[in-house]
Amino acid sequence: MVYEVFNLFLTVCIAISIPFLVKKTIDDKRAIKSFLTDEVKETLDCLLKIKGLIQDCYFSGIINDQNKDDIIRNFNELEIQINSLNEQLETSFNPESKKMINEIKEAYFKFDNFVTDDDLMSTHYTQIDSGFYREFIDQYSKLGLHLKKAIHKIHCY
């Protein structure tokens, strides 16, 4: 009799506590995913600033030293954002996110090298030509696509 009462009490306790534990775990994962998604969106915003700077210079027909400094500054900010995203993904989803973050970094380095290591940053370069602009948009789109895909992948973890 005592055993049956104890067994019933234990069953009720388990039945009540399991939904709360499961709900908390689900809510915690959802919050982490939301936070990481916001981080990716901030990274996309940094990328968009660079696009805006290059577009302004292309359409105005002139690029000066101040524009070049602004571009370099924004690339530094973008790199900081990507490194922050990398560290957070390693903390939350290390094995799953490794390939994704490597793809993002690779696309970033190609994009950065194309813009900052090209003739664009030399002193004699005063106007962005259409060939550079086309390649810039291509590199920009590739990095942007990797970041947008990251949002989808984060939600699948």
Protein backbone atom coordinates (compact mmCIF):
# COMPACT_ATOMS: atom_id res chain seq x y z
CA MET A 1 0.00 0.00 0.00
CA VAL A 2 2.75 2.46 0.95
CA TYR A 3 4.71 1.38 -2.11
CA GLU A 4 1.71 2.06 -4.38
CA VAL A 5 1.17 5.53 -2.90
CA PHE A 6 4.87 6.31 -3.26
CA ASN A 7 4.85 5.00 -6.83
CA LEU A 8 1.79 7.13 -7.68
CA PHE A 9 3.39 10.21 -6.11
CA LEU A 10 6.63 9.64 -8.03
CA THR A 11 4.74 9.15 -11.29
CA VAL A 12 2.81 12.39 -10.80
CA CYS A 13 6.02 14.29 -9.98
CA ILE A 14 7.70 12.97 -13.11
CA ALA A 15 4.65 13.71 -15.23
CA ILE A 16 4.58 17.31 -13.99
CA SER A 17 8.33 18.02 -14.12
CA ILE A 18 9.17 16.59 -17.56
CA PRO A 19 7.09 19.09 -19.57
CA PHE A 20 8.67 21.99 -17.68
CA LEU A 21 12.20 20.69 -18.29
CA VAL A 22 11.52 20.03 -21.96
CA LYS A 23 9.90 23.44 -22.41
CA LYS A 24 12.86 25.17 -20.75
CA THR A 25 15.32 23.35 -22.99
CA ILE A 26 13.32 24.25 -26.11
CA ASP A 27 13.01 27.89 -25.01
CA ASP A 28 16.74 28.10 -24.28
CA LYS A 29 17.62 26.72 -27.74
CA ARG A 30 15.16 29.10 -29.37
CA ALA A 31 16.70 32.09 -27.55
CA ILE A 32 20.22 31.07 -28.61
CA LYS A 33 19.13 30.66 -32.22
CA SER A 34 17.39 34.03 -32.16
CA PHE A 35 20.47 35.70 -30.71
CA LEU A 36 22.75 34.11 -33.33
CA THR A 37 20.34 35.10 -36.10
CA ASP A 38 20.50 38.70 -34.87
CA GLU A 39 24.31 38.48 -34.94
CA VAL A 40 24.22 37.35 -38.57
CA LYS A 41 21.84 40.21 -39.41
CA GLU A 42 24.28 42.69 -37.82
CA THR A 43 27.05 41.18 -39.94
CA LEU A 44 24.87 41.62 -43.03
CA ASP A 45 24.35 45.27 -42.03
CA CYS A 46 28.15 45.77 -41.91
CA LEU A 47 28.41 44.20 -45.35
CA LEU A 48 25.67 46.48 -46.64
CA LYS A 49 27.58 49.56 -45.41
CA ILE A 50 30.55 48.54 -47.55
CA LYS A 51 28.29 48.06 -50.56
CA GLY A 52 26.82 51.52 -49.98
CA LEU A 53 30.26 53.14 -49.83
CA ILE A 54 31.43 51.47 -53.05
CA GLN A 55 28.13 52.26 -54.82
CA ASP A 56 28.34 55.93 -53.81
CA CYS A 57 31.87 56.15 -55.20
CA TYR A 58 30.95 54.30 -58.39
CA PHE A 59 27.90 56.42 -59.14
CA SER A 60 29.57 59.71 -58.19
CA GLY A 61 32.48 58.87 -60.49
CA ILE A 62 35.17 59.59 -57.89
CA ILE A 63 36.87 57.83 -55.00
CA ASN A 64 39.16 59.75 -52.67
CA ASP A 65 41.39 58.90 -49.72
CA GLN A 66 38.58 59.52 -47.23
CA ASN A 67 36.35 57.03 -49.08
CA LYS A 68 39.16 54.48 -49.06
CA ASP A 69 39.70 54.98 -45.31
CA ASP A 70 35.97 54.51 -44.72
CA ILE A 71 36.01 51.30 -46.75
CA ILE A 72 38.98 49.93 -44.77
CA ARG A 73 37.31 50.89 -41.48
CA ASN A 74 34.12 49.10 -42.47
CA PHE A 75 36.05 46.00 -43.52
CA ASN A 76 37.67 45.97 -40.07
CA GLU A 77 34.24 46.20 -38.47
CA LEU A 78 32.96 43.38 -40.70
CA GLU A 79 35.90 41.19 -39.73
CA ILE A 80 35.23 41.81 -36.04
CA GLN A 81 31.58 40.83 -36.56
CA ILE A 82 32.53 37.63 -38.37
CA ASN A 83 35.03 36.70 -35.65
CA SER A 84 32.40 37.34 -32.99
CA LEU A 85 29.91 35.20 -34.88
CA ASN A 86 32.54 32.47 -35.19
CA GLU A 87 33.21 32.41 -31.44
CA GLN A 88 29.52 32.35 -30.58
CA LEU A 89 28.79 29.53 -33.03
CA GLU A 90 31.70 27.53 -31.62
CA THR A 91 30.28 27.99 -28.14
CA SER A 92 26.73 27.01 -29.04
CA PHE A 93 27.01 24.61 -32.00
CA ASN A 94 30.68 23.72 -32.37
CA PRO A 95 30.74 20.59 -34.52
CA GLU A 96 27.72 21.52 -36.62
CA SER A 97 28.82 25.08 -37.40
CA LYS A 98 32.50 24.49 -38.25
CA LYS A 99 31.99 23.98 -42.00
CA MET A 100 29.55 26.88 -42.26
CA ILE A 101 31.81 29.39 -40.51
CA ASN A 102 34.79 28.28 -42.62
CA GLU A 103 32.77 28.96 -45.77
CA ILE A 104 31.82 32.41 -44.46
CA LYS A 105 35.44 33.22 -43.59
CA GLU A 106 36.68 32.02 -46.98
CA ALA A 107 34.11 34.20 -48.79
CA TYR A 108 35.01 37.14 -46.55
CA PHE A 109 38.75 36.84 -47.22
CA LYS A 110 38.18 36.63 -50.98
CA PHE A 111 35.94 39.70 -50.80
CA ASP A 112 38.35 41.62 -48.57
CA ASN A 113 41.37 40.75 -50.71
CA PHE A 114 39.56 41.73 -53.88
CA VAL A 115 38.61 45.17 -52.58
CA THR A 116 41.49 46.15 -50.31
CA ASP A 117 44.42 44.48 -52.12
CA ASP A 118 43.43 45.68 -55.56
CA ASP A 119 44.42 48.87 -57.35
CA LEU A 120 41.41 50.51 -55.67
CA MET A 121 43.46 51.38 -52.59
CA SER A 122 46.40 52.86 -54.51
CA THR A 123 46.79 56.62 -54.67
CA HIS A 124 46.44 56.86 -58.44
CA TYR A 125 43.05 55.10 -58.45
CA THR A 126 40.45 57.89 -58.50
CA GLN A 127 37.46 56.31 -60.23
CA ILE A 128 35.76 52.91 -59.93
CA ASP A 129 35.36 51.36 -63.36
CA SER A 130 32.48 49.11 -64.37
CA GLY A 131 34.64 45.95 -64.45
CA PHE A 132 35.69 46.44 -60.84
CA TYR A 133 32.13 47.25 -59.83
CA ARG A 134 30.75 44.10 -61.50
CA GLU A 135 33.31 41.89 -59.75
CA PHE A 136 32.66 43.73 -56.49
CA ILE A 137 28.92 42.99 -56.71
CA ASP A 138 29.70 39.33 -57.47
CA GLN A 139 31.99 38.99 -54.42
CA TYR A 140 29.53 40.92 -52.26
CA SER A 141 26.67 38.64 -53.32
CA LYS A 142 28.65 35.49 -52.56
CA LEU A 143 29.46 36.60 -49.03
CA GLY A 144 25.91 37.83 -48.49
CA LEU A 145 24.53 34.49 -49.67
CA HIS A 146 26.75 32.59 -47.21
CA LEU A 147 25.52 34.80 -44.37
CA LYS A 148 21.87 34.40 -45.36
CA LYS A 149 22.28 30.63 -45.60
CA ALA A 150 23.81 30.72 -42.12
CA ILE A 151 20.52 32.02 -40.75
CA HIS A 152 18.70 29.02 -42.20
CA LYS A 153 21.32 26.59 -40.93
CA ILE A 154 21.22 28.07 -37.43
CA HIS A 155 17.49 27.44 -37.28
CA CYS A 156 18.08 23.80 -38.24
CA TYR A 157 20.42 23.15 -35.29
